[in-house]
């Protein structure tokens, strides 16, 4: 089994998210909804996703704070506000 370089993977995730459109960021978030599995790599991925939501100036108060995010519900983006998808 190959050892993952966590700092390298973190940077890779940050670069990948930075290149995505707003719609792609929301899609990446929604793909995580309902996933209860946990690994260090997933934690790094979700942390980078959280950071990108913040970097873009999104209001994600409906799903989290500066310290945490909830992946209980899918979301939509209305302007710069992340809202729970009512569908």
Protein backbone atom coordinates (compact mmCIF):
# COMPACT_ATOMS: atom_id res chain seq x y z
CA UNK A 1 0.00 0.00 0.00
CA UNK A 2 1.39 3.38 -1.01
CA UNK A 3 1.65 6.02 1.71
CA UNK A 4 -0.27 9.23 0.96
CA UNK A 5 1.57 12.51 1.38
CA UNK A 6 -1.13 14.49 3.18
CA UNK A 7 0.34 17.94 2.50
CA UNK A 8 0.69 17.14 -1.19
CA UNK A 9 -2.86 15.80 -1.37
CA UNK A 10 -4.19 18.90 0.44
CA UNK A 11 -2.49 21.18 -2.09
CA UNK A 12 -3.80 19.04 -4.97
CA UNK A 13 -7.38 19.34 -3.66
CA UNK A 14 -7.06 23.09 -3.14
CA UNK A 15 -5.76 23.60 -6.70
CA UNK A 16 -8.49 21.36 -8.14
CA UNK A 17 -11.29 23.19 -6.30
CA UNK A 18 -9.85 26.58 -7.22
CA UNK A 19 -10.10 25.68 -10.91
CA UNK A 20 -13.76 24.57 -10.66
CA UNK A 21 -16.75 26.68 -11.51
CA UNK A 22 -19.24 27.56 -8.80
CA UNK A 23 -21.60 24.90 -10.19
CA UNK A 24 -18.84 22.28 -10.06
CA UNK A 25 -18.08 23.16 -6.43
CA UNK A 26 -21.74 22.65 -5.52
CA UNK A 27 -21.74 19.36 -7.45
CA UNK A 28 -18.63 18.23 -5.55
CA UNK A 29 -20.38 19.07 -2.27
CA UNK A 30 -23.56 17.23 -3.26
CA UNK A 31 -21.59 14.10 -4.16
CA UNK A 32 -20.56 13.89 -0.49
CA UNK A 33 -24.10 14.04 0.89
CA UNK A 34 -25.01 10.80 2.62
CA UNK A 35 -21.45 9.47 2.61
CA UNK A 36 -20.71 8.48 6.18
CA UNK A 37 -17.37 6.80 5.50
CA UNK A 38 -14.30 8.42 6.95
CA UNK A 39 -10.61 8.41 6.09
CA UNK A 40 -7.87 10.94 6.56
CA UNK A 41 -7.87 11.58 2.81
CA UNK A 42 -11.59 12.29 2.85
CA UNK A 43 -11.11 14.67 5.75
CA UNK A 44 -8.45 16.55 3.77
CA UNK A 45 -10.72 16.65 0.70
CA UNK A 46 -13.68 18.00 2.71
CA UNK A 47 -11.49 20.53 4.47
CA UNK A 48 -10.26 21.84 1.12
CA UNK A 49 -13.85 21.99 -0.14
CA UNK A 50 -14.88 23.95 2.97
CA UNK A 51 -11.96 26.33 2.44
CA UNK A 52 -13.00 26.91 -1.18
CA UNK A 53 -16.58 27.73 -0.19
CA UNK A 54 -15.14 30.32 2.18
CA UNK A 55 -12.59 31.63 -0.35
CA UNK A 56 -15.38 32.30 -2.84
CA UNK A 57 -17.27 34.34 -0.29
CA UNK A 58 -20.26 32.01 -0.28
CA UNK A 59 -22.75 32.36 2.56
CA UNK A 60 -22.94 28.73 3.67
CA UNK A 61 -24.54 29.40 7.05
CA UNK A 62 -27.46 27.11 6.13
CA UNK A 63 -25.08 24.12 6.21
CA UNK A 64 -22.24 25.10 8.47
CA UNK A 65 -19.92 27.46 10.25
CA UNK A 66 -16.30 28.45 9.85
CA UNK A 67 -15.43 25.24 11.73
CA UNK A 68 -17.80 22.63 10.28
CA UNK A 69 -20.11 21.64 7.45
CA UNK A 70 -23.14 19.37 7.37
CA UNK A 71 -23.38 16.88 4.52
CA UNK A 72 -26.90 15.82 5.49
CA UNK A 73 -28.67 17.61 2.60
CA UNK A 74 -27.92 18.46 -0.99
CA UNK A 75 -27.57 22.15 -1.71
CA UNK A 76 -28.10 24.71 -4.44
CA UNK A 77 -26.39 28.04 -4.99
CA UNK A 78 -28.50 31.18 -5.28
CA UNK A 79 -26.20 34.05 -6.07
CA UNK A 80 -23.51 33.66 -3.41
CA UNK A 81 -25.80 31.93 -0.90
CA UNK A 82 -25.72 28.16 -0.39
CA UNK A 83 -29.21 26.89 0.38
CA UNK A 84 -30.56 23.45 1.22
CA UNK A 85 -32.13 21.95 -1.91
CA UNK A 86 -35.85 21.50 -1.27
CA UNK A 87 -36.16 18.73 -3.89
